[in-house]
Amino acid sequence: MLVFEGLMPLMAPKAWRQMFSKLSELSDGQIRFFGLIAVLVGALLFWLQS
């Protein structure tokens, strides 16, 4: 998982920084929604792997 998380700052640090600055402008509900989607996708991938 850390490999995927490290790719963006390694290959495009400027875009990574811009993405995080835009994330700080989102409401708590929007951030929670993206978190929920990430958890569901991760659980689905874990389920498909097993």
Foldseek 3Di string as FASTA:
>chain_A
DVVVVPPCCVPPVPVVVVVVVVVVVDDPVVVVVVVVVVVVVVVVVVVVVD
